[in-house]
Amino acid sequence: MSSASEPGNAGRGGLRGALLVVFGVVVYQFLVHLSLARPQGEQFSSLLAALPVSLLAIWLLGKQALAQRITGGGLAIAAVTVASNHGMSAALCYFLVQLAAYMAVLWLFAGSLRAGTEPLITRMARSVHGSLPVEIERYTRRVTWYWSAVLALLAAVSAALFLLAPLSAWSFFANVLNAPLLACAFVAEYGWRIARYPHFSHASMTASLGAFRRFAGRAKSLPHD
């Protein structure tokens, strides 16, 4: 009886944890935008910029590999530099971190489209459904292209705004619109999938996100195997 309920409770606990992380990221990005949009918030924006860099540095410094520790030490120095508001500006730090995140996830999707490699969305769909009909397999490949294009477009727009537009305009796009745009892209694809293949037993949006989280967890553990 208890063993049957534990997976459900664990799943709900994992979902609550994921929602808390998303909420924290949204609040953080909103604070970043407010600090960048106001001249008097320059010092606060520097401290906010140093926060994720510091957390990543701490995580890397706790690893066993020498290369990871060296990288962590370099990031720690960068965090102190940004926090003290010397050298690299907070806005440039935010831009580079966000651009690196876009590129990392883009590489995850686009890299799986190489010849001889199963597309990322196809792998995720198999983890939920098992075997896939041929038309769904083709569709999942196209969706992998779709997410590659979405991420490339967001990265390009962010770079163009950072280089050509006022800082407040870039900050609004990067810190306020970023999450809603990604959510809209996800909901739009899900709605099209339901309309295009109404007879297929589609996974819910929660199950789809769970499949991506499981895949990301397996990918993170690969270097340790």
C-alpha atoms as a PDB file:
ATOM      1  CA  MET A   1       0.000   0.000   0.000  1.00  0.00           C
ATOM      2  CA  SER A   2       2.694   2.448   1.042  1.00  0.00           C
ATOM      3  CA  SER A   3       5.005   1.355  -1.775  1.00  0.00           C
ATOM      4  CA  ALA A   4       2.279   2.124  -4.306  1.00  0.00           C
ATOM      5  CA  SER A   5       1.828   5.658  -3.048  1.00  0.00           C
ATOM      6  CA  GLU A   6       5.497   6.552  -2.710  1.00  0.00           C
ATOM      7  CA  PRO A   7       6.215   7.041  -6.457  1.00  0.00           C
ATOM      8  CA  GLY A   8       3.231   9.389  -6.739  1.00  0.00           C
ATOM      9  CA  ASN A   9       4.353  11.366  -3.714  1.00  0.00           C
ATOM     10  CA  ALA A  10       7.906  11.480  -5.058  1.00  0.00           C
ATOM     11  CA  GLY A  11       6.612  12.712  -8.407  1.00  0.00           C
ATOM     12  CA  ARG A  12       4.537  15.432  -6.751  1.00  0.00           C
ATOM     13  CA  GLY A  13       7.507  16.386  -4.617  1.00  0.00           C
ATOM     14  CA  GLY A  14       9.706  16.620  -7.709  1.00  0.00           C
ATOM     15  CA  LEU A  15       7.098  18.784  -9.460  1.00  0.00           C
ATOM     16  CA  ARG A  16       6.830  21.114  -6.445  1.00  0.00           C
ATOM     17  CA  GLY A  17      10.607  21.396  -6.365  1.00  0.00           C
ATOM     18  CA  ALA A  18      10.722  22.212 -10.082  1.00  0.00           C
ATOM     19  CA  LEU A  19       8.002  24.848  -9.655  1.00  0.00           C
ATOM     20  CA  LEU A  20       9.906  26.428  -6.772  1.00  0.00           C
ATOM     21  CA  VAL A  21      13.051  26.580  -8.913  1.00  0.00           C
ATOM     22  CA  VAL A  22      11.104  28.203 -11.775  1.00  0.00           C
ATOM     23  CA  PHE A  23       9.529  30.689  -9.349  1.00  0.00           C
ATOM     24  CA  GLY A  24      12.948  31.536  -7.909  1.00  0.00           C
ATOM     25  CA  VAL A  25      14.428  32.075 -11.382  1.00  0.00           C
ATOM     26  CA  VAL A  26      11.520  34.325 -12.413  1.00  0.00           C
ATOM     27  CA  VAL A  27      11.838  36.433  -9.248  1.00  0.00           C
ATOM     28  CA  TYR A  28      15.613  36.639  -9.719  1.00  0.00           C
ATOM     29  CA  GLN A  29      15.288  37.793 -13.330  1.00  0.00           C
ATOM     30  CA  PHE A  30      12.674  40.393 -12.350  1.00  0.00           C
ATOM     31  CA  LEU A  31      15.019  41.772  -9.688  1.00  0.00           C
ATOM     32  CA  VAL A  32      17.836  41.843 -12.242  1.00  0.00           C
ATOM     33  CA  HIS A  33      15.673  43.867 -14.641  1.00  0.00           C
ATOM     34  CA  LEU A  34      14.698  46.358 -11.924  1.00  0.00           C
ATOM     35  CA  SER A  35      18.323  46.825 -10.895  1.00  0.00           C
ATOM     36  CA  LEU A  36      19.542  47.307 -14.470  1.00  0.00           C
ATOM     37  CA  ALA A  37      16.724  49.670 -15.418  1.00  0.00           C
ATOM     38  CA  ARG A  38      17.571  52.074 -12.559  1.00  0.00           C
ATOM     39  CA  PRO A  39      20.908  53.913 -12.369  1.00  0.00           C
ATOM     40  CA  GLN A  40      20.850  53.774  -8.559  1.00  0.00           C
ATOM     41  CA  GLY A  41      20.628  49.990  -8.704  1.00  0.00           C
ATOM     42  CA  GLU A  42      24.090  49.541 -10.199  1.00  0.00           C
ATOM     43  CA  GLN A  43      25.711  48.122  -7.058  1.00  0.00           C
ATOM     44  CA  PHE A  44      22.751  45.814  -6.388  1.00  0.00           C
ATOM     45  CA  SER A  45      22.862  44.572  -9.991  1.00  0.00           C
ATOM     46  CA  SER A  46      26.567  43.774  -9.544  1.00  0.00           C
ATOM     47  CA  LEU A  47      25.795  41.661  -6.481  1.00  0.00           C
ATOM     48  CA  LEU A  48      22.954  39.896  -8.303  1.00  0.00           C
ATOM     49  CA  ALA A  49      25.226  39.198 -11.253  1.00  0.00           C
ATOM     50  CA  ALA A  50      27.850  37.682  -8.985  1.00  0.00           C
ATOM     51  CA  LEU A  51      25.345  35.336  -7.283  1.00  0.00           C
ATOM     52  CA  PRO A  52      24.921  32.622  -9.989  1.00  0.00           C
ATOM     53  CA  VAL A  53      28.620  32.831 -10.878  1.00  0.00           C
ATOM     54  CA  SER A  54      29.501  32.307  -7.206  1.00  0.00           C
ATOM     55  CA  LEU A  55      27.162  29.316  -6.871  1.00  0.00           C
ATOM     56  CA  LEU A  56      28.631  27.709  -9.989  1.00  0.00           C
ATOM     57  CA  ALA A  57      32.164  28.380  -8.697  1.00  0.00           C
ATOM     58  CA  ILE A  58      31.356  26.738  -5.346  1.00  0.00           C
ATOM     59  CA  TRP A  59      29.884  23.709  -7.114  1.00  0.00           C
ATOM     60  CA  LEU A  60      32.939  23.300  -9.366  1.00  0.00           C
ATOM     61  CA  LEU A  61      35.404  23.793  -6.507  1.00  0.00           C
ATOM     62  CA  GLY A  62      33.771  20.847  -4.741  1.00  0.00           C
ATOM     63  CA  LYS A  63      34.510  18.505  -7.659  1.00  0.00           C
ATOM     64  CA  GLN A  64      37.427  16.079  -7.812  1.00  0.00           C
ATOM     65  CA  ALA A  65      38.682  16.852 -11.334  1.00  0.00           C
ATOM     66  CA  LEU A  66      41.507  19.392 -11.455  1.00  0.00           C
ATOM     67  CA  ALA A  67      40.090  21.084 -14.571  1.00  0.00           C
ATOM     68  CA  GLN A  68      36.772  21.665 -12.805  1.00  0.00           C
ATOM     69  CA  ARG A  69      38.502  23.111  -9.755  1.00  0.00           C
ATOM     70  CA  ILE A  70      40.591  25.444 -11.904  1.00  0.00           C
ATOM     71  CA  THR A  71      37.453  26.589 -13.710  1.00  0.00           C
ATOM     72  CA  GLY A  72      35.736  27.090 -10.359  1.00  0.00           C
ATOM     73  CA  GLY A  73      38.641  29.196  -9.128  1.00  0.00           C
ATOM     74  CA  GLY A  74      38.475  31.350 -12.252  1.00  0.00           C
ATOM     75  CA  LEU A  75      34.748  31.831 -11.807  1.00  0.00           C
ATOM     76  CA  ALA A  76      35.265  32.761  -8.151  1.00  0.00           C
ATOM     77  CA  ILE A  77      37.694  35.498  -9.212  1.00  0.00           C
ATOM     78  CA  ALA A  78      35.190  36.680 -11.845  1.00  0.00           C
ATOM     79  CA  ALA A  79      32.413  36.773  -9.227  1.00  0.00           C
ATOM     80  CA  VAL A  80      34.504  38.930  -6.897  1.00  0.00           C
ATOM     81  CA  THR A  81      35.391  41.231  -9.801  1.00  0.00           C
ATOM     82  CA  VAL A  82      31.747  41.650 -10.807  1.00  0.00           C
ATOM     83  CA  ALA A  83      30.517  42.081  -7.227  1.00  0.00           C
ATOM     84  CA  SER A  84      33.082  44.815  -6.576  1.00  0.00           C
ATOM     85  CA  ASN A  85      31.856  46.581  -9.716  1.00  0.00           C
ATOM     86  CA  HIS A  86      35.315  46.647 -11.303  1.00  0.00           C
ATOM     87  CA  GLY A  87      36.223  45.466 -14.799  1.00  0.00           C
ATOM     88  CA  MET A  88      33.339  43.479 -16.313  1.00  0.00           C
ATOM     89  CA  SER A  89      30.005  45.283 -15.926  1.00  0.00           C
ATOM     90  CA  ALA A  90      27.016  43.520 -14.383  1.00  0.00           C
ATOM     91  CA  ALA A  91      25.038  43.885 -17.611  1.00  0.00           C
ATOM     92  CA  LEU A  92      27.800  42.259 -19.673  1.00  0.00           C
ATOM     93  CA  CYS A  93      28.017  39.438 -17.142  1.00  0.00           C
ATOM     94  CA  TYR A  94      24.266  38.810 -17.363  1.00  0.00           C
ATOM     95  CA  PHE A  95      24.408  38.861 -21.143  1.00  0.00           C
ATOM     96  CA  LEU A  96      27.314  36.414 -21.371  1.00  0.00           C
ATOM     97  CA  VAL A  97      25.768  34.007 -18.840  1.00  0.00           C
ATOM     98  CA  GLN A  98      22.419  34.029 -20.640  1.00  0.00           C
ATOM     99  CA  LEU A  99      24.062  33.646 -24.038  1.00  0.00           C
ATOM    100  CA  ALA A 100      26.105  30.710 -22.730  1.00  0.00           C
ATOM    101  CA  ALA A 101      22.909  29.097 -21.413  1.00  0.00           C
ATOM    102  CA  TYR A 102      21.184  29.538 -24.789  1.00  0.00           C
ATOM    103  CA  MET A 103      24.168  28.044 -26.599  1.00  0.00           C
ATOM    104  CA  ALA A 104      24.441  25.094 -24.205  1.00  0.00           C
ATOM    105  CA  VAL A 105      20.791  24.086 -24.627  1.00  0.00           C
ATOM    106  CA  LEU A 106      20.925  24.808 -28.368  1.00  0.00           C
ATOM    107  CA  TRP A 107      23.909  22.465 -28.648  1.00  0.00           C
ATOM    108  CA  LEU A 108      21.911  19.813 -26.758  1.00  0.00           C
ATOM    109  CA  PHE A 109      19.071  19.993 -29.303  1.00  0.00           C
ATOM    110  CA  ALA A 110      20.965  20.757 -32.520  1.00  0.00           C
ATOM    111  CA  GLY A 111      23.764  18.312 -31.720  1.00  0.00           C
ATOM    112  CA  SER A 112      21.244  15.469 -31.615  1.00  0.00           C
ATOM    113  CA  LEU A 113      20.250  16.205 -35.227  1.00  0.00           C
ATOM    114  CA  ARG A 114      23.570  14.997 -36.613  1.00  0.00           C
ATOM    115  CA  ALA A 115      23.572  11.993 -38.926  1.00  0.00           C
ATOM    116  CA  GLY A 116      23.538   8.738 -36.989  1.00  0.00           C
ATOM    117  CA  THR A 117      22.204  10.399 -33.814  1.00  0.00           C
ATOM    118  CA  GLU A 118      18.649  10.095 -32.542  1.00  0.00           C
ATOM    119  CA  PRO A 119      17.008  13.530 -32.139  1.00  0.00           C
ATOM    120  CA  LEU A 120      16.561  14.676 -28.548  1.00  0.00           C
ATOM    121  CA  ILE A 121      12.757  14.964 -28.702  1.00  0.00           C
ATOM    122  CA  THR A 122      12.539  11.492 -30.237  1.00  0.00           C
ATOM    123  CA  ARG A 123      14.531  10.078 -27.325  1.00  0.00           C
ATOM    124  CA  MET A 124      12.294  11.890 -24.850  1.00  0.00           C
ATOM    125  CA  ALA A 125       9.162  10.581 -26.591  1.00  0.00           C
ATOM    126  CA  ARG A 126      10.480   7.023 -26.484  1.00  0.00           C
ATOM    127  CA  SER A 127      11.135   7.343 -22.757  1.00  0.00           C
ATOM    128  CA  VAL A 128       7.425   8.129 -22.286  1.00  0.00           C
ATOM    129  CA  HIS A 129       5.718   6.002 -24.967  1.00  0.00           C
ATOM    130  CA  GLY A 130       8.203   3.268 -25.816  1.00  0.00           C
ATOM    131  CA  SER A 131       7.913   2.496 -29.537  1.00  0.00           C
ATOM    132  CA  LEU A 132       6.674   5.331 -31.774  1.00  0.00           C
ATOM    133  CA  PRO A 133       4.645   5.289 -35.005  1.00  0.00           C
ATOM    134  CA  VAL A 134       6.651   6.390 -38.045  1.00  0.00           C
ATOM    135  CA  GLU A 135       4.759   9.676 -38.427  1.00  0.00           C
ATOM    136  CA  ILE A 136       5.311  10.559 -34.750  1.00  0.00           C
ATOM    137  CA  GLU A 137       8.996   9.727 -35.077  1.00  0.00           C
ATOM    138  CA  ARG A 138       9.243  12.122 -38.029  1.00  0.00           C
ATOM    139  CA  TYR A 139       7.335  14.759 -36.077  1.00  0.00           C
ATOM    140  CA  THR A 140       9.630  14.527 -33.059  1.00  0.00           C
ATOM    141  CA  ARG A 141      12.599  15.141 -35.344  1.00  0.00           C
ATOM    142  CA  ARG A 142      10.895  18.272 -36.674  1.00  0.00           C
ATOM    143  CA  VAL A 143      10.171  19.414 -33.113  1.00  0.00           C
ATOM    144  CA  THR A 144      13.872  19.061 -32.300  1.00  0.00           C
ATOM    145  CA  TRP A 145      14.551  21.398 -35.246  1.00  0.00           C
ATOM    146  CA  TYR A 146      11.803  23.694 -33.948  1.00  0.00           C
ATOM    147  CA  TRP A 147      13.430  24.069 -30.524  1.00  0.00           C
ATOM    148  CA  SER A 148      16.838  24.564 -32.095  1.00  0.00           C
ATOM    149  CA  ALA A 149      15.381  27.420 -34.170  1.00  0.00           C
ATOM    150  CA  VAL A 150      13.582  28.949 -31.159  1.00  0.00           C
ATOM    151  CA  LEU A 151      16.756  28.973 -29.065  1.00  0.00           C
ATOM    152  CA  ALA A 152      18.881  30.340 -31.924  1.00  0.00           C
ATOM    153  CA  LEU A 153      16.328  33.115 -32.539  1.00  0.00           C
ATOM    154  CA  LEU A 154      16.157  34.097 -28.862  1.00  0.00           C
ATOM    155  CA  ALA A 155      19.953  34.188 -28.646  1.00  0.00           C
ATOM    156  CA  ALA A 156      20.198  36.318 -31.799  1.00  0.00           C
ATOM    157  CA  VAL A 157      17.539  38.795 -30.630  1.00  0.00           C
ATOM    158  CA  SER A 158      19.191  39.066 -27.207  1.00  0.00           C
ATOM    159  CA  ALA A 159      22.588  39.753 -28.802  1.00  0.00           C
ATOM    160  CA  ALA A 160      21.140  42.337 -31.204  1.00  0.00           C
ATOM    161  CA  LEU A 161      19.324  44.188 -28.413  1.00  0.00           C
ATOM    162  CA  PHE A 162      22.369  44.139 -26.141  1.00  0.00           C
ATOM    163  CA  LEU A 163      24.607  45.579 -28.867  1.00  0.00           C
ATOM    164  CA  LEU A 164      22.187  48.000 -30.559  1.00  0.00           C
ATOM    165  CA  ALA A 165      19.364  48.943 -28.180  1.00  0.00           C
ATOM    166  CA  PRO A 166      19.230  50.757 -24.840  1.00  0.00           C
ATOM    167  CA  LEU A 167      20.162  48.581 -21.882  1.00  0.00           C
ATOM    168  CA  SER A 168      16.622  48.773 -20.472  1.00  0.00           C
ATOM    169  CA  ALA A 169      15.202  47.326 -23.712  1.00  0.00           C
ATOM    170  CA  TRP A 170      17.624  44.408 -23.678  1.00  0.00           C
ATOM    171  CA  SER A 171      16.999  43.796 -19.975  1.00  0.00           C
ATOM    172  CA  PHE A 172      13.219  43.732 -20.485  1.00  0.00           C
ATOM    173  CA  PHE A 173      13.596  41.120 -23.229  1.00  0.00           C
ATOM    174  CA  ALA A 174      16.209  39.025 -21.410  1.00  0.00           C
ATOM    175  CA  ASN A 175      14.822  39.148 -17.877  1.00  0.00           C
ATOM    176  CA  VAL A 176      11.061  39.718 -18.228  1.00  0.00           C
ATOM    177  CA  LEU A 177      10.052  38.298 -21.611  1.00  0.00           C
ATOM    178  CA  ASN A 178      12.469  35.356 -21.712  1.00  0.00           C
ATOM    179  CA  ALA A 179      10.465  32.894 -19.589  1.00  0.00           C
ATOM    180  CA  PRO A 180       7.027  33.802 -21.072  1.00  0.00           C
ATOM    181  CA  LEU A 181       8.387  33.456 -24.620  1.00  0.00           C
ATOM    182  CA  LEU A 182       9.776  29.998 -23.864  1.00  0.00           C
ATOM    183  CA  ALA A 183       6.475  29.022 -22.215  1.00  0.00           C
ATOM    184  CA  CYS A 184       4.505  30.275 -25.244  1.00  0.00           C
ATOM    185  CA  ALA A 185       6.765  28.298 -27.595  1.00  0.00           C
ATOM    186  CA  PHE A 186       6.191  25.166 -25.509  1.00  0.00           C
ATOM    187  CA  VAL A 187       2.395  25.614 -25.318  1.00  0.00           C
ATOM    188  CA  ALA A 188       2.176  26.426 -29.058  1.00  0.00           C
ATOM    189  CA  GLU A 189       4.029  23.236 -29.999  1.00  0.00           C
ATOM    190  CA  TYR A 190       1.919  21.174 -27.592  1.00  0.00           C
ATOM    191  CA  GLY A 191      -1.324  22.611 -29.000  1.00  0.00           C
ATOM    192  CA  TRP A 192      -0.223  21.952 -32.588  1.00  0.00           C
ATOM    193  CA  ARG A 193       0.779  18.397 -31.660  1.00  0.00           C
ATOM    194  CA  ILE A 194      -2.672  17.681 -30.191  1.00  0.00           C
ATOM    195  CA  ALA A 195      -4.440  19.164 -33.232  1.00  0.00           C
ATOM    196  CA  ARG A 196      -2.157  17.502 -35.790  1.00  0.00           C
ATOM    197  CA  TYR A 197      -2.246  13.994 -34.293  1.00  0.00           C
ATOM    198  CA  PRO A 198      -5.549  13.785 -32.376  1.00  0.00           C
ATOM    199  CA  HIS A 199      -5.623   9.964 -32.315  1.00  0.00           C
ATOM    200  CA  PHE A 200      -2.197   9.536 -30.739  1.00  0.00           C
ATOM    201  CA  SER A 201      -2.017   9.138 -26.946  1.00  0.00           C
ATOM    202  CA  HIS A 202      -0.064  12.297 -26.173  1.00  0.00           C
ATOM    203  CA  ALA A 203       1.863  12.783 -22.965  1.00  0.00           C
ATOM    204  CA  SER A 204       0.749  15.683 -20.792  1.00  0.00           C
ATOM    205  CA  MET A 205       2.876  18.823 -20.570  1.00  0.00           C
ATOM    206  CA  THR A 206       3.929  17.724 -17.075  1.00  0.00           C
ATOM    207  CA  ALA A 207       5.042  14.314 -18.380  1.00  0.00           C
ATOM    208  CA  SER A 208       6.934  15.978 -21.239  1.00  0.00           C
ATOM    209  CA  LEU A 209       8.803  18.230 -18.811  1.00  0.00           C
ATOM    210  CA  GLY A 210       9.487  15.223 -16.596  1.00  0.00           C
ATOM    211  CA  ALA A 211      10.971  13.332 -19.562  1.00  0.00           C
ATOM    212  CA  PHE A 212      13.305  16.242 -20.299  1.00  0.00           C
ATOM    213  CA  ARG A 213      14.341  16.410 -16.634  1.00  0.00           C
ATOM    214  CA  ARG A 214      15.109  12.665 -16.597  1.00  0.00           C
ATOM    215  CA  PHE A 215      17.111  12.945 -19.794  1.00  0.00           C
ATOM    216  CA  ALA A 216      19.055  15.930 -18.443  1.00  0.00           C
ATOM    217  CA  GLY A 217      19.780  13.970 -15.281  1.00  0.00           C
ATOM    218  CA  ARG A 218      21.132  11.016 -17.256  1.00  0.00           C
ATOM    219  CA  ALA A 219      23.228  13.318 -19.450  1.00  0.00           C
ATOM    220  CA  LYS A 220      24.696  14.952 -16.334  1.00  0.00           C
ATOM    221  CA  SER A 221      25.763  11.577 -14.976  1.00  0.00           C
ATOM    222  CA  LEU A 222      27.441  10.336 -18.158  1.00  0.00           C
ATOM    223  CA  PRO A 223      30.958  11.706 -17.381  1.00  0.00           C
ATOM    224  CA  HIS A 224      30.960   9.744 -14.122  1.00  0.00           C
ATOM    225  CA  ASP A 225      30.206   6.346 -15.743  1.00  0.00           C
END
